[in-house]
Amino acid sequence: MKRDMDLVREILLECEKQDGTGRPIKVKVEGHSGDEVNYHLVLLKEVGFIEASSVLNTRFGPIVQPIRLTWSGHEFLNAARSSKLWDGAKEFALKTTGTLTLEGLKLAIPHVTKLLMGG
C-alpha cells in the first residue's frame, strides 16, 4: 500500500477533534477504506505522531486504535493546518526533491509559509 500524505493529514485532523478522554478514537476518512486508514495509523504511530494501542494482529498487521496526538503530531498538524500552505508545501517538496516525504514536507512548510507571508 502506498503512503498518502493527504490521508496522514486528514487522520491527524480527525484525531485532534476528539475529546481527550483517553478512550480509543474512531477514525473514518471519507473516500478511504478501513485498511487504508489503519495502515496510515500504523505509520503515524511509528513516526511518533499519535499514541495508540494495537488491539489485534491480523495477517495484514496490527489494528491500531489512536488515543491522542503526541506533541510531535500537534506540531506537524499546526504547521500543515492551512490547506493553502499544505498544497504549497506539497508542490514545493515535489518540485525540489521529486518525492513527497515527511521530512521534505517539514522543510517545505516553513519555506512556503515565508513565501505566503511575502518574505
Protein backbone atom coordinates (compact mmCIF):
# COMPACT_ATOMS: atom_id res chain seq x y z
CA MET A 1 0.00 0.00 0.00
CA LYS A 2 1.29 3.45 -0.85
CA ARG A 3 1.66 6.14 1.76
CA ASP A 4 -0.74 9.03 1.21
CA MET A 5 0.37 12.24 2.89
CA ASP A 6 -3.06 13.84 2.39
CA LEU A 7 -4.60 10.93 4.30
CA VAL A 8 -1.98 11.38 7.03
CA ARG A 9 -3.08 15.00 7.41
CA GLU A 10 -6.78 14.06 7.42
CA ILE A 11 -6.23 11.42 10.11
CA LEU A 12 -4.36 13.91 12.29
CA LEU A 13 -7.19 16.42 11.86
CA GLU A 14 -9.72 13.74 12.88
CA CYS A 15 -7.68 12.74 15.92
CA GLU A 16 -7.46 16.38 17.01
CA LYS A 17 -11.27 16.68 17.05
CA GLN A 18 -11.61 14.09 19.81
CA ASP A 19 -12.48 14.97 23.39
CA GLY A 20 -9.24 13.92 25.08
CA THR A 21 -10.83 11.37 27.41
CA GLY A 22 -8.11 8.81 26.77
CA ARG A 23 -10.54 6.41 25.14
CA PRO A 24 -9.63 5.00 21.73
CA ILE A 25 -10.54 7.30 18.85
CA LYS A 26 -12.64 6.02 15.95
CA VAL A 27 -11.12 7.41 12.77
CA LYS A 28 -13.01 7.31 9.49
CA VAL A 29 -11.97 9.31 6.47
CA GLU A 30 -14.39 9.64 3.59
CA GLY A 31 -13.12 8.05 0.40
CA HIS A 32 -10.67 5.73 2.18
CA SER A 33 -11.12 2.14 3.31
CA GLY A 34 -10.63 0.99 6.87
CA ASP A 35 -7.50 -0.86 5.75
CA GLU A 36 -6.02 2.32 4.24
CA VAL A 37 -6.77 4.31 7.38
CA ASN A 38 -5.35 1.59 9.63
CA TYR A 39 -2.17 1.33 7.57
CA HIS A 40 -1.62 5.06 7.95
CA LEU A 41 -2.40 4.88 11.67
CA VAL A 42 0.40 2.31 11.97
CA LEU A 43 2.74 4.72 10.17
CA LEU A 44 1.67 7.63 12.39
CA LYS A 45 2.32 5.53 15.48
CA GLU A 46 5.75 4.52 14.14
CA VAL A 47 6.76 8.13 13.48
CA GLY A 48 5.51 9.20 16.92
CA PHE A 49 2.65 11.48 15.83
CA ILE A 50 -0.01 9.52 17.71
CA GLU A 51 -0.21 7.49 20.87
CA ALA A 52 -2.15 4.34 20.06
CA SER A 53 -2.82 0.81 21.11
CA SER A 54 -2.64 -2.23 18.90
CA VAL A 55 -5.67 -4.34 19.64
CA LEU A 56 -5.30 -7.25 17.29
CA ASN A 57 -2.69 -8.68 14.97
CA THR A 58 -4.09 -9.84 11.66
CA ARG A 59 -2.32 -11.28 8.67
CA PHE A 60 -2.06 -7.68 7.44
CA GLY A 61 -0.53 -6.40 10.69
CA PRO A 62 -1.92 -4.76 13.80
CA ILE A 63 -5.24 -2.98 14.10
CA VAL A 64 -4.35 0.38 15.61
CA GLN A 65 -6.64 2.49 17.78
CA PRO A 66 -5.33 6.02 18.29
CA ILE A 67 -5.71 7.53 21.75
CA ARG A 68 -4.28 11.01 21.24
CA LEU A 69 -1.93 13.17 19.24
CA THR A 70 1.59 13.49 20.62
CA TRP A 71 3.48 16.77 20.88
CA SER A 72 5.13 16.00 17.52
CA GLY A 73 1.75 15.21 15.99
CA HIS A 74 0.34 18.55 17.17
CA GLU A 75 3.41 20.40 15.90
CA PHE A 76 3.18 18.85 12.45
CA LEU A 77 -0.57 19.38 12.25
CA ASN A 78 -0.30 23.01 13.31
CA ALA A 79 2.25 23.59 10.56
CA ALA A 80 0.09 21.76 7.99
CA ARG A 81 -3.34 23.04 9.07
CA SER A 82 -3.86 25.60 6.32
CA SER A 83 -4.96 23.98 3.05
CA LYS A 84 -3.20 26.69 1.06
CA LEU A 85 0.04 26.12 2.97
CA TRP A 86 -0.31 22.33 2.76
CA ASP A 87 -0.85 22.40 -1.01
CA GLY A 88 2.06 24.81 -1.47
CA ALA A 89 4.36 22.67 0.68
CA LYS A 90 3.45 19.52 -1.27
CA GLU A 91 4.10 21.29 -4.56
CA PHE A 92 7.40 22.73 -3.32
CA ALA A 93 8.60 19.37 -1.94
CA LEU A 94 7.71 17.54 -5.15
CA LYS A 95 9.31 20.23 -7.31
CA THR A 96 12.57 20.35 -5.35
CA THR A 97 13.01 16.68 -4.41
CA GLY A 98 10.78 14.78 -6.82
CA THR A 99 9.10 12.94 -3.96
CA LEU A 100 6.72 13.60 -1.11
CA THR A 101 8.22 12.64 2.23
CA LEU A 102 7.51 13.68 5.78
CA GLU A 103 10.96 15.22 6.12
CA GLY A 104 10.55 17.06 2.83
CA LEU A 105 7.24 18.48 3.98
CA LYS A 106 8.72 19.51 7.32
CA LEU A 107 11.34 21.50 5.42
CA ALA A 108 8.93 22.86 2.81
CA ILE A 109 6.28 24.17 5.21
CA PRO A 110 8.44 26.95 6.74
CA HIS A 111 9.71 27.93 3.27
CA VAL A 112 6.19 28.18 1.84
CA THR A 113 4.97 30.00 4.96
CA LYS A 114 7.64 32.63 4.39
CA LEU A 115 6.68 32.97 0.71
CA LEU A 116 2.97 33.29 1.55
CA MET A 117 3.77 36.00 4.09
CA GLY A 118 5.61 37.97 1.41
CA GLY A 119 9.10 37.20 2.65
